[in-house]
Each structure stands twice: as C-alpha cells, then as structure tokens.
Amino acid sequence: QVQLVESGGGLVQAGGSLRLSCAASGRRLSFYNMGWFRQAPGKQREFVAGISWSGTEIQYADSVKGRFTISKDNAKNMVYLQMNSLKPEDTAVYYCAADYSLSTVVVTTLNEYDYWGQGTQVTVSS
C-alpha cells in the first residue's frame, strides 16, 4: 500500500506560481511512475503531468506545457509540481497518483494508477 498526501495548494492571482508537493509513505516510489491529475467543478478528472520511476520520461498535458514542471525525489519519496503563469482555468483540485510499473512509459489514463491522494485545492483568481 502507498499513501499519498498532497500539499501546497491555495489561492493565487493569475500569473502567479504555486508548488505542489506529494509525500508518499508505505512503499518507496522507486518503481512507481507518478502522475498529477486535476478535477475542476463539473468536469472530469484529467491528466496534468506524469514522470516515470526513473525520471527519464515526462509527459504534460498540452494545456500546461511550458508552465508546469513535474519532478520526483526518490530519496525523499516526494513528487512535486511547480506551476507557473497560473491561469483561472487551472483552478481545480489537484491529485497525486502512483502507478506501480517496471516500464518507463508514463500513462495518462486514470484507471492505470493504483493509488491516489486526497487532493489539494488550487484556486486562481483573475
């Protein structure tokens, strides 16, 4: 079992930055591909960014490319999402997720992920 706890959300003005953190416990993240997803009110949960267990493969949703950066610290069992140039449409609950895999292919579909955190609210005001 892997427990994931997100933090770092909050209220920020458009153009601002936030850094989300995801702390994992229970298992080492060394063999988990990690992902960040988000869910806005009335919308489906969507993929935001993912990183392979090795850190060699990274994917981003088109909507966040060039603004968000995902990183992983296996030694600290942490995953981060640096969010810059935030827009009101980035407002959502952000979730961290873990995909146990020996592959370095980053998957973008929700049902491929085995463990989820409770989420952290990000609100971007215009």
N, C-alpha and C. Protein backbone atom coordinates (compact mmCIF):
# COMPACT_ATOMS: atom_id res chain seq x y z
N GLN A 1 0.83 -1.20 0.00
CA GLN A 1 0.00 0.00 0.00
C GLN A 1 0.86 1.24 0.00
N VAL A 2 0.42 2.22 -0.74
CA VAL A 2 1.09 3.51 -0.79
C VAL A 2 0.09 4.57 -0.35
N GLN A 3 0.49 5.38 0.59
CA GLN A 3 -0.34 6.52 0.99
C GLN A 3 0.27 7.79 0.41
N LEU A 4 -0.58 8.59 -0.19
CA LEU A 4 -0.13 9.82 -0.83
C LEU A 4 -0.84 11.01 -0.19
N VAL A 5 -0.08 12.03 0.13
CA VAL A 5 -0.66 13.23 0.74
C VAL A 5 -0.15 14.45 -0.02
N GLU A 6 -1.08 15.19 -0.61
CA GLU A 6 -0.72 16.39 -1.34
C GLU A 6 -0.74 17.61 -0.42
N SER A 7 0.06 18.59 -0.77
CA SER A 7 0.06 19.87 -0.05
C SER A 7 0.54 20.96 -0.99
N GLY A 8 0.37 22.20 -0.56
CA GLY A 8 0.89 23.31 -1.35
C GLY A 8 -0.16 24.08 -2.14
N GLY A 9 -1.39 23.60 -2.11
CA GLY A 9 -2.44 24.32 -2.82
C GLY A 9 -2.80 25.62 -2.11
N GLY A 10 -3.62 26.41 -2.78
CA GLY A 10 -4.03 27.67 -2.17
C GLY A 10 -4.65 28.59 -3.19
N LEU A 11 -4.79 29.85 -2.78
CA LEU A 11 -5.37 30.88 -3.64
C LEU A 11 -4.24 31.76 -4.16
N VAL A 12 -4.22 31.96 -5.46
CA VAL A 12 -3.17 32.76 -6.09
C VAL A 12 -3.79 33.58 -7.22
N GLN A 13 -3.21 34.72 -7.49
CA GLN A 13 -3.68 35.54 -8.60
C GLN A 13 -3.16 34.99 -9.92
N ALA A 14 -3.88 35.30 -10.98
CA ALA A 14 -3.44 34.89 -12.31
C ALA A 14 -2.03 35.42 -12.57
N GLY A 15 -1.20 34.55 -13.15
CA GLY A 15 0.19 34.90 -13.40
C GLY A 15 1.12 34.47 -12.28
N GLY A 16 0.55 34.07 -11.18
CA GLY A 16 1.35 33.65 -10.03
C GLY A 16 1.82 32.22 -10.13
N SER A 17 2.47 31.76 -9.05
CA SER A 17 3.04 30.42 -9.03
C SER A 17 2.67 29.70 -7.75
N LEU A 18 2.63 28.39 -7.85
CA LEU A 18 2.46 27.53 -6.69
C LEU A 18 3.30 26.28 -6.91
N ARG A 19 3.74 25.68 -5.81
CA ARG A 19 4.46 24.43 -5.89
C ARG A 19 3.70 23.39 -5.06
N LEU A 20 3.19 22.39 -5.73
CA LEU A 20 2.51 21.30 -5.05
C LEU A 20 3.50 20.21 -4.69
N SER A 21 3.29 19.62 -3.53
CA SER A 21 4.11 18.51 -3.09
C SER A 21 3.23 17.28 -2.84
N CYS A 22 3.80 16.13 -3.06
CA CYS A 22 3.11 14.87 -2.79
C CYS A 22 4.06 13.99 -1.98
N ALA A 23 3.69 13.73 -0.75
CA ALA A 23 4.51 12.90 0.13
C ALA A 23 3.96 11.48 0.13
N ALA A 24 4.85 10.53 -0.12
CA ALA A 24 4.44 9.13 -0.16
C ALA A 24 4.96 8.38 1.06
N SER A 25 4.15 7.45 1.53
CA SER A 25 4.57 6.58 2.63
C SER A 25 4.05 5.18 2.36
N GLY A 26 4.64 4.24 3.05
CA GLY A 26 4.23 2.85 2.89
C GLY A 26 5.10 2.05 1.95
N ARG A 27 5.50 2.64 0.86
CA ARG A 27 6.39 1.99 -0.11
C ARG A 27 7.33 3.04 -0.67
N ARG A 28 8.48 2.59 -1.13
CA ARG A 28 9.36 3.51 -1.82
C ARG A 28 8.80 3.77 -3.22
N LEU A 29 9.01 4.98 -3.69
CA LEU A 29 8.49 5.36 -5.00
C LEU A 29 9.44 4.98 -6.14
N SER A 30 10.47 4.25 -5.79
CA SER A 30 11.50 3.96 -6.80
C SER A 30 10.94 3.26 -8.04
N PHE A 31 9.89 2.43 -7.86
CA PHE A 31 9.33 1.72 -9.01
C PHE A 31 7.89 2.13 -9.30
N TYR A 32 7.61 3.37 -9.02
CA TYR A 32 6.29 3.90 -9.32
C TYR A 32 6.42 5.06 -10.29
N ASN A 33 5.69 4.96 -11.39
CA ASN A 33 5.50 6.14 -12.22
C ASN A 33 4.48 7.02 -11.50
N MET A 34 4.70 8.30 -11.51
CA MET A 34 3.84 9.21 -10.75
C MET A 34 3.13 10.19 -11.67
N GLY A 35 1.94 10.55 -11.27
CA GLY A 35 1.17 11.49 -12.08
C GLY A 35 0.47 12.53 -11.23
N TRP A 36 0.22 13.65 -11.84
CA TRP A 36 -0.65 14.68 -11.26
C TRP A 36 -1.88 14.80 -12.16
N PHE A 37 -3.03 14.80 -11.53
CA PHE A 37 -4.29 14.99 -12.23
C PHE A 37 -5.02 16.16 -11.57
N ARG A 38 -6.05 16.65 -12.24
CA ARG A 38 -6.85 17.70 -11.63
C ARG A 38 -8.30 17.54 -12.03
N GLN A 39 -9.15 18.06 -11.17
CA GLN A 39 -10.59 18.00 -11.44
C GLN A 39 -11.23 19.33 -11.06
N ALA A 40 -11.76 19.98 -12.06
CA ALA A 40 -12.47 21.23 -11.85
C ALA A 40 -13.95 20.92 -11.59
N PRO A 41 -14.66 21.83 -10.94
CA PRO A 41 -16.08 21.60 -10.66
C PRO A 41 -16.87 21.28 -11.93
N GLY A 42 -17.63 20.21 -11.89
CA GLY A 42 -18.46 19.85 -13.04
C GLY A 42 -17.72 19.21 -14.19
N LYS A 43 -16.43 18.95 -14.00
CA LYS A 43 -15.64 18.36 -15.09
C LYS A 43 -15.03 17.04 -14.65
N GLN A 44 -14.60 16.27 -15.62
CA GLN A 44 -13.94 15.00 -15.32
C GLN A 44 -12.50 15.24 -14.89
N ARG A 45 -12.00 14.31 -14.11
CA ARG A 45 -10.60 14.39 -13.71
C ARG A 45 -9.73 14.19 -14.95
N GLU A 46 -8.70 15.03 -15.05
CA GLU A 46 -7.86 14.98 -16.24
C GLU A 46 -6.38 14.92 -15.87
N PHE A 47 -5.64 14.33 -16.77
CA PHE A 47 -4.19 14.21 -16.62
C PHE A 47 -3.54 15.58 -16.76
N VAL A 48 -2.57 15.85 -15.91
CA VAL A 48 -1.83 17.11 -15.97
C VAL A 48 -0.36 16.85 -16.33
N ALA A 49 0.27 15.96 -15.58
CA ALA A 49 1.69 15.69 -15.81
C ALA A 49 2.04 14.33 -15.22
N GLY A 50 3.05 13.70 -15.79
CA GLY A 50 3.49 12.41 -15.28
C GLY A 50 4.98 12.25 -15.45
N ILE A 51 5.57 11.44 -14.57
CA ILE A 51 7.01 11.20 -14.61
C ILE A 51 7.26 9.73 -14.33
N SER A 52 8.18 9.14 -15.07
CA SER A 52 8.48 7.72 -14.88
C SER A 52 9.26 7.51 -13.60
N TRP A 53 9.32 6.25 -13.15
CA TRP A 53 10.01 5.95 -11.90
C TRP A 53 11.48 6.34 -11.97
N SER A 54 12.05 6.28 -13.17
CA SER A 54 13.46 6.62 -13.35
C SER A 54 13.67 8.11 -13.53
N GLY A 55 12.59 8.82 -13.79
CA GLY A 55 12.70 10.25 -14.06
C GLY A 55 13.10 10.58 -15.48
N THR A 56 13.24 9.55 -16.31
CA THR A 56 13.72 9.76 -17.67
C THR A 56 12.61 10.10 -18.66
N GLU A 57 11.39 9.78 -18.30
CA GLU A 57 10.27 10.07 -19.18
C GLU A 57 9.29 11.00 -18.47
N ILE A 58 8.90 12.05 -19.14
CA ILE A 58 7.98 13.03 -18.58
C ILE A 58 6.95 13.39 -19.65
N GLN A 59 5.72 13.53 -19.21
CA GLN A 59 4.67 13.98 -20.13
C GLN A 59 3.85 15.08 -19.48
N TYR A 60 3.36 15.96 -20.31
CA TYR A 60 2.49 17.03 -19.85
C TYR A 60 1.24 17.11 -20.73
N ALA A 61 0.16 17.54 -20.14
CA ALA A 61 -1.00 17.89 -20.93
C ALA A 61 -0.66 19.14 -21.73
N ASP A 62 -1.24 19.24 -22.91
CA ASP A 62 -0.93 20.40 -23.77
C ASP A 62 -1.26 21.71 -23.06
N SER A 63 -2.27 21.69 -22.23
CA SER A 63 -2.73 22.93 -21.58
C SER A 63 -1.73 23.48 -20.56
N VAL A 64 -0.77 22.65 -20.13
CA VAL A 64 0.16 23.11 -19.10
C VAL A 64 1.61 23.11 -19.57
N LYS A 65 1.86 22.65 -20.79
CA LYS A 65 3.23 22.61 -21.30
C LYS A 65 3.86 23.99 -21.29
N GLY A 66 5.09 24.04 -20.81
CA GLY A 66 5.80 25.30 -20.75
C GLY A 66 5.51 26.11 -19.49
N ARG A 67 4.51 25.68 -18.72
CA ARG A 67 4.17 26.41 -17.49
C ARG A 67 4.36 25.56 -16.23
N PHE A 68 4.11 24.26 -16.36
CA PHE A 68 4.21 23.35 -15.21
C PHE A 68 5.44 22.46 -15.37
N THR A 69 6.02 22.09 -14.24
CA THR A 69 7.17 21.18 -14.23
C THR A 69 6.97 20.14 -13.15
N ILE A 70 7.04 18.87 -13.54
CA ILE A 70 6.95 17.78 -12.58
C ILE A 70 8.34 17.28 -12.26
N SER A 71 8.54 16.92 -11.00
CA SER A 71 9.83 16.35 -10.60
C SER A 71 9.60 15.32 -9.51
N LYS A 72 10.60 14.49 -9.30
CA LYS A 72 10.47 13.37 -8.37
C LYS A 72 11.77 13.21 -7.61
N ASP A 73 11.67 13.04 -6.32
CA ASP A 73 12.85 12.82 -5.49
C ASP A 73 12.66 11.47 -4.81
N ASN A 74 13.25 10.44 -5.39
CA ASN A 74 13.06 9.09 -4.85
C ASN A 74 13.65 8.95 -3.45
N ALA A 75 14.73 9.66 -3.19
CA ALA A 75 15.36 9.57 -1.88
C ALA A 75 14.45 10.10 -0.77
N LYS A 76 13.69 11.14 -1.10
CA LYS A 76 12.78 11.74 -0.13
C LYS A 76 11.36 11.19 -0.26
N ASN A 77 11.15 10.34 -1.26
CA ASN A 77 9.81 9.80 -1.51
C ASN A 77 8.78 10.90 -1.76
N MET A 78 9.20 11.85 -2.58
CA MET A 78 8.36 13.02 -2.86
C MET A 78 8.21 13.24 -4.35
N VAL A 79 7.08 13.82 -4.71
CA VAL A 79 6.84 14.26 -6.08
C VAL A 79 6.36 15.71 -6.01
N TYR A 80 6.77 16.50 -6.98
CA TYR A 80 6.45 17.93 -6.97
C TYR A 80 5.81 18.33 -8.29
N LEU A 81 5.04 19.40 -8.22
CA LEU A 81 4.50 20.02 -9.43
C LEU A 81 4.67 21.53 -9.27
N GLN A 82 5.63 22.06 -9.99
CA GLN A 82 5.84 23.51 -10.00
C GLN A 82 4.92 24.12 -11.04
N MET A 83 4.08 25.03 -10.63
CA MET A 83 3.10 25.63 -11.53
C MET A 83 3.37 27.13 -11.63
N ASN A 84 3.71 27.57 -12.81
CA ASN A 84 3.99 28.98 -13.07
C ASN A 84 2.97 29.54 -14.05
N SER A 85 2.90 30.85 -14.11
CA SER A 85 1.99 31.53 -15.04
C SER A 85 0.58 30.96 -14.94
N LEU A 86 0.11 30.85 -13.72
CA LEU A 86 -1.19 30.23 -13.50
C LEU A 86 -2.32 31.05 -14.10
N LYS A 87 -3.32 30.32 -14.58
CA LYS A 87 -4.49 30.93 -15.21
C LYS A 87 -5.74 30.54 -14.43
N PRO A 88 -6.79 31.32 -14.54
CA PRO A 88 -8.04 30.95 -13.85
C PRO A 88 -8.53 29.55 -14.23
N GLU A 89 -8.27 29.13 -15.46
CA GLU A 89 -8.71 27.80 -15.88
C GLU A 89 -7.89 26.67 -15.27
N ASP A 90 -6.85 27.00 -14.53
CA ASP A 90 -6.09 25.99 -13.78
C ASP A 90 -6.74 25.67 -12.44
N THR A 91 -7.77 26.42 -12.10
CA THR A 91 -8.48 26.19 -10.84
C THR A 91 -9.08 24.79 -10.81
N ALA A 92 -8.72 24.03 -9.78
CA ALA A 92 -9.17 22.64 -9.68
C ALA A 92 -8.63 22.05 -8.38
N VAL A 93 -9.12 20.86 -8.07
CA VAL A 93 -8.48 20.04 -7.05
C VAL A 93 -7.42 19.21 -7.75
N TYR A 94 -6.21 19.26 -7.23
CA TYR A 94 -5.08 18.54 -7.84
C TYR A 94 -4.78 17.29 -7.03
N TYR A 95 -4.64 16.18 -7.76
CA TYR A 95 -4.41 14.89 -7.14
C TYR A 95 -3.08 14.30 -7.59
N CYS A 96 -2.41 13.67 -6.65
CA CYS A 96 -1.21 12.91 -6.92
C CYS A 96 -1.60 11.45 -7.05
N ALA A 97 -0.96 10.72 -7.97
CA ALA A 97 -1.30 9.32 -8.17
C ALA A 97 -0.05 8.51 -8.48
N ALA A 98 -0.08 7.23 -8.09
CA ALA A 98 1.06 6.35 -8.28
C ALA A 98 0.67 5.13 -9.11
N ASP A 99 1.52 4.81 -10.06
CA ASP A 99 1.32 3.67 -10.96
C ASP A 99 2.51 2.73 -10.79
N TYR A 100 2.25 1.58 -10.16
CA TYR A 100 3.34 0.63 -9.98
C TYR A 100 3.69 0.02 -11.33
N SER A 101 4.91 0.24 -11.79
CA SER A 101 5.27 -0.23 -13.12
C SER A 101 6.78 -0.38 -13.24
N LEU A 102 7.19 -1.42 -13.96
CA LEU A 102 8.60 -1.58 -14.28
C LEU A 102 8.91 -0.90 -15.61
N SER A 103 7.86 -0.40 -16.26
CA SER A 103 8.03 0.31 -17.53
C SER A 103 8.25 1.78 -17.25
N THR A 104 8.95 2.45 -18.14
CA THR A 104 9.15 3.89 -18.01
C THR A 104 8.14 4.66 -18.86
N VAL A 105 7.13 3.95 -19.35
CA VAL A 105 6.10 4.63 -20.12
C VAL A 105 5.15 5.33 -19.16
N VAL A 106 4.98 6.61 -19.34
CA VAL A 106 4.08 7.39 -18.49
C VAL A 106 2.68 7.30 -19.07
N VAL A 107 1.76 6.78 -18.29
CA VAL A 107 0.39 6.66 -18.77
C VAL A 107 -0.43 7.86 -18.33
N THR A 108 -1.43 8.17 -19.13
CA THR A 108 -2.22 9.37 -18.86
C THR A 108 -3.65 9.06 -18.46
N THR A 109 -4.00 7.79 -18.40
CA THR A 109 -5.38 7.42 -18.08
C THR A 109 -5.53 7.11 -16.60
N LEU A 110 -6.63 7.52 -16.03
CA LEU A 110 -6.86 7.41 -14.60
C LEU A 110 -6.79 5.97 -14.11
N ASN A 111 -7.39 5.05 -14.86
CA ASN A 111 -7.52 3.69 -14.34
C ASN A 111 -6.21 2.91 -14.34
N GLU A 112 -5.15 3.50 -14.88
CA GLU A 112 -3.84 2.85 -14.83
C GLU A 112 -3.14 3.10 -13.49
N TYR A 113 -3.62 4.06 -12.75
CA TYR A 113 -2.97 4.42 -11.50
C TYR A 113 -3.56 3.64 -10.33
N ASP A 114 -2.68 3.18 -9.46
CA ASP A 114 -3.09 2.28 -8.38
C ASP A 114 -3.45 2.99 -7.09
N TYR A 115 -2.81 4.12 -6.84
CA TYR A 115 -3.01 4.82 -5.57
C TYR A 115 -3.22 6.30 -5.83
N TRP A 116 -4.07 6.90 -4.99
CA TRP A 116 -4.42 8.31 -5.14
C TRP A 116 -4.36 9.01 -3.80
N GLY A 117 -4.00 10.30 -3.86
CA GLY A 117 -4.10 11.13 -2.68
C GLY A 117 -5.48 11.73 -2.57
N GLN A 118 -5.69 12.53 -1.52
CA GLN A 118 -6.99 13.14 -1.27
C GLN A 118 -7.19 14.44 -2.04
N GLY A 119 -6.12 14.99 -2.55
CA GLY A 119 -6.22 16.19 -3.35
C GLY A 119 -5.95 17.47 -2.58
N THR A 120 -5.55 18.49 -3.30
CA THR A 120 -5.32 19.82 -2.72
C THR A 120 -5.93 20.85 -3.67
N GLN A 121 -6.63 21.82 -3.10
CA GLN A 121 -7.36 22.81 -3.90
C GLN A 121 -6.41 23.90 -4.38
N VAL A 122 -6.50 24.18 -5.66
CA VAL A 122 -5.79 25.31 -6.27
C VAL A 122 -6.82 26.24 -6.87
N THR A 123 -6.81 27.49 -6.44
CA THR A 123 -7.75 28.48 -6.95
C THR A 123 -6.96 29.65 -7.51
N VAL A 124 -7.21 29.98 -8.77
CA VAL A 124 -6.51 31.07 -9.43
C VAL A 124 -7.54 32.16 -9.73
N SER A 125 -7.33 33.31 -9.16
CA SER A 125 -8.25 34.42 -9.36
C SER A 125 -7.80 35.30 -10.52
N SER A 126 -8.75 35.88 -11.20
CA SER A 126 -8.43 36.71 -12.38
C SER A 126 -8.22 38.17 -11.99
